[in-house]
N, C-alpha and C. Protein backbone atom coordinates (compact mmCIF):
# COMPACT_ATOMS: atom_id res chain seq x y z
N MET A 1 -10.18 -1.95 10.59
CA MET A 1 -9.95 -3.36 10.32
C MET A 1 -8.46 -3.63 10.38
N THR A 2 -8.09 -4.66 11.09
CA THR A 2 -6.69 -5.04 11.20
C THR A 2 -6.33 -6.02 10.09
N LYS A 3 -5.04 -6.28 9.95
CA LYS A 3 -4.58 -7.22 8.94
C LYS A 3 -5.19 -8.60 9.18
N ALA A 4 -5.23 -9.04 10.44
CA ALA A 4 -5.80 -10.35 10.77
C ALA A 4 -7.29 -10.41 10.41
N GLU A 5 -8.01 -9.32 10.67
CA GLU A 5 -9.42 -9.28 10.32
C GLU A 5 -9.61 -9.31 8.80
N LEU A 6 -8.75 -8.61 8.07
CA LEU A 6 -8.82 -8.63 6.61
C LEU A 6 -8.59 -10.03 6.08
N ILE A 7 -7.57 -10.70 6.60
CA ILE A 7 -7.26 -12.06 6.15
C ILE A 7 -8.42 -13.00 6.45
N ALA A 8 -9.01 -12.89 7.63
CA ALA A 8 -10.15 -13.73 7.98
C ALA A 8 -11.35 -13.46 7.07
N ALA A 9 -11.61 -12.19 6.76
CA ALA A 9 -12.73 -11.84 5.89
C ALA A 9 -12.52 -12.37 4.48
N VAL A 10 -11.29 -12.25 3.96
CA VAL A 10 -11.00 -12.75 2.62
C VAL A 10 -11.10 -14.27 2.59
N ALA A 11 -10.61 -14.93 3.63
CA ALA A 11 -10.70 -16.39 3.70
C ALA A 11 -12.16 -16.83 3.72
N ASP A 12 -13.02 -16.10 4.43
CA ASP A 12 -14.45 -16.42 4.45
C ASP A 12 -15.08 -16.23 3.09
N LYS A 13 -14.68 -15.17 2.38
CA LYS A 13 -15.22 -14.91 1.04
C LYS A 13 -14.83 -16.00 0.05
N CYS A 14 -13.71 -16.66 0.32
CA CYS A 14 -13.25 -17.74 -0.56
C CYS A 14 -14.00 -19.04 -0.31
N GLY A 15 -14.92 -19.05 0.63
CA GLY A 15 -15.73 -20.24 0.89
C GLY A 15 -14.99 -21.33 1.64
N GLY A 16 -13.90 -20.98 2.30
CA GLY A 16 -13.17 -21.97 3.08
C GLY A 16 -12.24 -22.82 2.23
N GLY A 17 -12.08 -22.50 0.97
CA GLY A 17 -11.23 -23.28 0.09
C GLY A 17 -9.75 -23.00 0.27
N LEU A 18 -9.42 -21.90 0.91
CA LEU A 18 -8.02 -21.53 1.12
C LEU A 18 -7.75 -21.39 2.62
N SER A 19 -6.55 -21.78 3.02
CA SER A 19 -6.16 -21.60 4.42
C SER A 19 -5.85 -20.13 4.68
N LYS A 20 -5.88 -19.75 5.95
CA LYS A 20 -5.57 -18.37 6.30
C LYS A 20 -4.12 -18.04 5.95
N LYS A 21 -3.24 -19.02 6.04
CA LYS A 21 -1.83 -18.81 5.68
C LYS A 21 -1.70 -18.50 4.19
N ALA A 22 -2.45 -19.23 3.36
CA ALA A 22 -2.43 -18.97 1.91
C ALA A 22 -3.01 -17.60 1.60
N VAL A 23 -4.10 -17.26 2.27
CA VAL A 23 -4.72 -15.95 2.06
C VAL A 23 -3.79 -14.84 2.50
N GLU A 24 -3.07 -15.05 3.60
CA GLU A 24 -2.10 -14.05 4.06
C GLU A 24 -1.03 -13.80 3.01
N GLY A 25 -0.54 -14.85 2.38
CA GLY A 25 0.45 -14.71 1.31
C GLY A 25 -0.10 -13.93 0.13
N ILE A 26 -1.36 -14.19 -0.22
CA ILE A 26 -1.99 -13.49 -1.34
C ILE A 26 -2.17 -12.01 -1.01
N VAL A 27 -2.69 -11.72 0.19
CA VAL A 27 -2.91 -10.32 0.60
C VAL A 27 -1.59 -9.57 0.65
N ASP A 28 -0.56 -10.18 1.23
CA ASP A 28 0.76 -9.54 1.28
C ASP A 28 1.29 -9.29 -0.13
N GLY A 29 1.10 -10.26 -1.02
CA GLY A 29 1.55 -10.11 -2.40
C GLY A 29 0.84 -8.98 -3.12
N VAL A 30 -0.46 -8.85 -2.88
CA VAL A 30 -1.23 -7.78 -3.51
C VAL A 30 -0.71 -6.41 -3.07
N PHE A 31 -0.51 -6.25 -1.75
CA PHE A 31 -0.05 -4.95 -1.25
C PHE A 31 1.39 -4.65 -1.68
N GLU A 32 2.24 -5.66 -1.74
CA GLU A 32 3.61 -5.44 -2.22
C GLU A 32 3.60 -5.03 -3.69
N THR A 33 2.75 -5.66 -4.49
CA THR A 33 2.65 -5.32 -5.91
C THR A 33 2.12 -3.91 -6.09
N MET A 34 1.10 -3.54 -5.31
CA MET A 34 0.55 -2.18 -5.38
C MET A 34 1.62 -1.15 -5.02
N ALA A 35 2.34 -1.40 -3.93
CA ALA A 35 3.38 -0.46 -3.49
C ALA A 35 4.47 -0.33 -4.54
N GLY A 36 4.85 -1.45 -5.15
CA GLY A 36 5.86 -1.41 -6.21
C GLY A 36 5.40 -0.61 -7.41
N ALA A 37 4.14 -0.79 -7.80
CA ALA A 37 3.59 -0.06 -8.94
C ALA A 37 3.53 1.44 -8.66
N ILE A 38 3.12 1.79 -7.45
CA ILE A 38 3.04 3.21 -7.09
C ILE A 38 4.44 3.82 -7.09
N ALA A 39 5.42 3.10 -6.55
CA ALA A 39 6.79 3.62 -6.50
C ALA A 39 7.39 3.74 -7.90
N LYS A 40 7.14 2.76 -8.75
CA LYS A 40 7.75 2.73 -10.08
C LYS A 40 7.04 3.64 -11.08
N GLU A 41 5.71 3.56 -11.12
CA GLU A 41 4.94 4.29 -12.13
C GLU A 41 4.29 5.56 -11.60
N GLY A 42 4.25 5.72 -10.28
CA GLY A 42 3.66 6.91 -9.70
C GLY A 42 2.15 6.86 -9.61
N ARG A 43 1.56 5.69 -9.96
CA ARG A 43 0.10 5.61 -9.99
C ARG A 43 -0.34 4.15 -9.95
N PHE A 44 -1.44 3.88 -9.27
CA PHE A 44 -2.05 2.56 -9.28
C PHE A 44 -3.55 2.76 -9.24
N ALA A 45 -4.26 2.21 -10.21
CA ALA A 45 -5.71 2.36 -10.27
C ALA A 45 -6.38 0.99 -10.25
N TYR A 46 -7.45 0.89 -9.47
CA TYR A 46 -8.26 -0.32 -9.43
C TYR A 46 -9.69 0.11 -9.74
N PRO A 47 -10.22 -0.28 -10.91
CA PRO A 47 -11.56 0.16 -11.32
C PRO A 47 -12.62 -0.17 -10.27
N GLY A 48 -13.48 0.78 -10.01
CA GLY A 48 -14.55 0.60 -9.05
C GLY A 48 -14.13 0.85 -7.62
N PHE A 49 -12.83 1.01 -7.37
CA PHE A 49 -12.35 1.27 -6.02
C PHE A 49 -11.71 2.64 -5.92
N GLY A 50 -10.66 2.89 -6.72
CA GLY A 50 -10.02 4.19 -6.69
C GLY A 50 -8.63 4.19 -7.27
N THR A 51 -7.96 5.33 -7.15
CA THR A 51 -6.63 5.53 -7.72
C THR A 51 -5.69 6.07 -6.65
N TYR A 52 -4.52 5.44 -6.56
CA TYR A 52 -3.45 5.90 -5.67
C TYR A 52 -2.43 6.62 -6.54
N THR A 53 -2.00 7.80 -6.13
CA THR A 53 -1.00 8.54 -6.88
C THR A 53 0.06 9.10 -5.93
N VAL A 54 1.25 9.32 -6.48
CA VAL A 54 2.32 9.94 -5.71
C VAL A 54 2.09 11.45 -5.74
N LYS A 55 2.10 12.05 -4.57
CA LYS A 55 1.94 13.50 -4.45
C LYS A 55 3.27 14.08 -3.98
N LYS A 56 3.70 15.17 -4.63
CA LYS A 56 4.94 15.83 -4.25
C LYS A 56 4.61 17.05 -3.40
N ARG A 57 5.32 17.19 -2.30
CA ARG A 57 5.15 18.35 -1.43
C ARG A 57 6.42 19.18 -1.50
N ALA A 58 6.27 20.45 -1.75
CA ALA A 58 7.41 21.35 -1.87
C ALA A 58 8.03 21.61 -0.50
N ALA A 59 9.29 22.00 -0.52
CA ALA A 59 9.96 22.40 0.73
C ALA A 59 9.27 23.66 1.25
N ARG A 60 9.25 23.78 2.55
CA ARG A 60 8.56 24.94 3.14
C ARG A 60 9.16 25.26 4.50
N THR A 61 8.78 26.40 5.02
CA THR A 61 9.22 26.81 6.34
C THR A 61 8.10 26.52 7.33
N GLY A 62 8.47 25.91 8.44
CA GLY A 62 7.50 25.61 9.48
C GLY A 62 7.95 26.20 10.80
N ARG A 63 7.21 25.93 11.85
CA ARG A 63 7.55 26.43 13.17
C ARG A 63 7.51 25.28 14.17
N ASN A 64 8.52 25.27 15.04
CA ASN A 64 8.53 24.32 16.14
C ASN A 64 7.49 24.80 17.14
N PRO A 65 6.45 24.01 17.43
CA PRO A 65 5.39 24.50 18.31
C PRO A 65 5.84 24.76 19.75
N ARG A 66 6.89 24.10 20.20
CA ARG A 66 7.36 24.32 21.58
C ARG A 66 8.14 25.62 21.73
N THR A 67 9.03 25.86 20.74
CA THR A 67 9.92 27.02 20.88
C THR A 67 9.52 28.19 19.99
N GLY A 68 8.70 27.93 18.97
CA GLY A 68 8.35 28.97 18.02
C GLY A 68 9.44 29.23 17.00
N GLU A 69 10.51 28.45 17.08
CA GLU A 69 11.65 28.61 16.18
C GLU A 69 11.26 28.18 14.76
N SER A 70 11.77 28.93 13.77
CA SER A 70 11.55 28.60 12.37
C SER A 70 12.40 27.40 11.98
N ILE A 71 11.80 26.46 11.25
CA ILE A 71 12.56 25.29 10.77
C ILE A 71 12.25 25.08 9.31
N LYS A 72 13.21 24.50 8.60
CA LYS A 72 13.01 24.18 7.19
C LYS A 72 12.51 22.75 7.09
N ILE A 73 11.39 22.58 6.41
CA ILE A 73 10.83 21.26 6.18
C ILE A 73 11.18 20.89 4.73
N PRO A 74 11.93 19.81 4.53
CA PRO A 74 12.37 19.46 3.17
C PRO A 74 11.22 18.97 2.30
N ALA A 75 11.44 19.00 0.99
CA ALA A 75 10.46 18.47 0.04
C ALA A 75 10.28 16.97 0.31
N SER A 76 9.08 16.48 0.07
CA SER A 76 8.82 15.06 0.31
C SER A 76 7.76 14.55 -0.65
N LYS A 77 7.58 13.25 -0.64
CA LYS A 77 6.55 12.61 -1.44
C LYS A 77 5.64 11.83 -0.51
N SER A 78 4.36 11.76 -0.87
CA SER A 78 3.41 10.96 -0.13
C SER A 78 2.46 10.32 -1.12
N VAL A 79 1.58 9.48 -0.64
CA VAL A 79 0.63 8.80 -1.50
C VAL A 79 -0.75 9.37 -1.24
N GLY A 80 -1.42 9.75 -2.32
CA GLY A 80 -2.79 10.24 -2.22
C GLY A 80 -3.75 9.21 -2.79
N PHE A 81 -5.00 9.25 -2.35
CA PHE A 81 -6.02 8.31 -2.82
C PHE A 81 -7.25 9.08 -3.23
N LYS A 82 -7.78 8.74 -4.40
CA LYS A 82 -9.04 9.32 -4.85
C LYS A 82 -10.00 8.16 -5.10
N ALA A 83 -11.09 8.16 -4.39
CA ALA A 83 -12.07 7.09 -4.50
C ALA A 83 -12.82 7.17 -5.82
N ALA A 84 -13.13 6.00 -6.39
CA ALA A 84 -13.91 5.94 -7.62
C ALA A 84 -15.37 6.28 -7.31
N PRO A 85 -16.09 6.80 -8.29
CA PRO A 85 -17.50 7.16 -8.05
C PRO A 85 -18.35 5.98 -7.53
N ALA A 86 -18.09 4.77 -8.01
CA ALA A 86 -18.84 3.61 -7.54
C ALA A 86 -18.58 3.35 -6.06
N PHE A 87 -17.36 3.55 -5.63
CA PHE A 87 -17.01 3.35 -4.23
C PHE A 87 -17.58 4.47 -3.37
N LYS A 88 -17.51 5.70 -3.86
CA LYS A 88 -18.07 6.84 -3.13
C LYS A 88 -19.57 6.67 -2.90
N GLY A 89 -20.24 6.09 -3.88
CA GLY A 89 -21.67 5.89 -3.77
C GLY A 89 -22.06 4.91 -2.68
N LYS A 90 -21.15 4.02 -2.30
CA LYS A 90 -21.43 3.03 -1.27
C LYS A 90 -21.20 3.55 0.14
N LEU A 91 -20.55 4.72 0.25
CA LEU A 91 -20.24 5.26 1.59
C LEU A 91 -21.46 5.86 2.25
């Protein structure tokens, strides 16, 4: 699903009471707020859907697949998602 498809689906769920431009602002605001919460608190949970958490990856040694040369991969952070049982049941 693309962003445009998401906005159209949400606008349809609203019964036509909101314009697509207004829905786009709401959707963008929701994702900005979620990203801010994950960055600040390290976690964002939405009941019935799931939990986003910051995952830390340790530094490690890797290999360049073209040359076979050893390279150092620095430590990094990423976002993990764990689906709620109610959401898993719908899959």
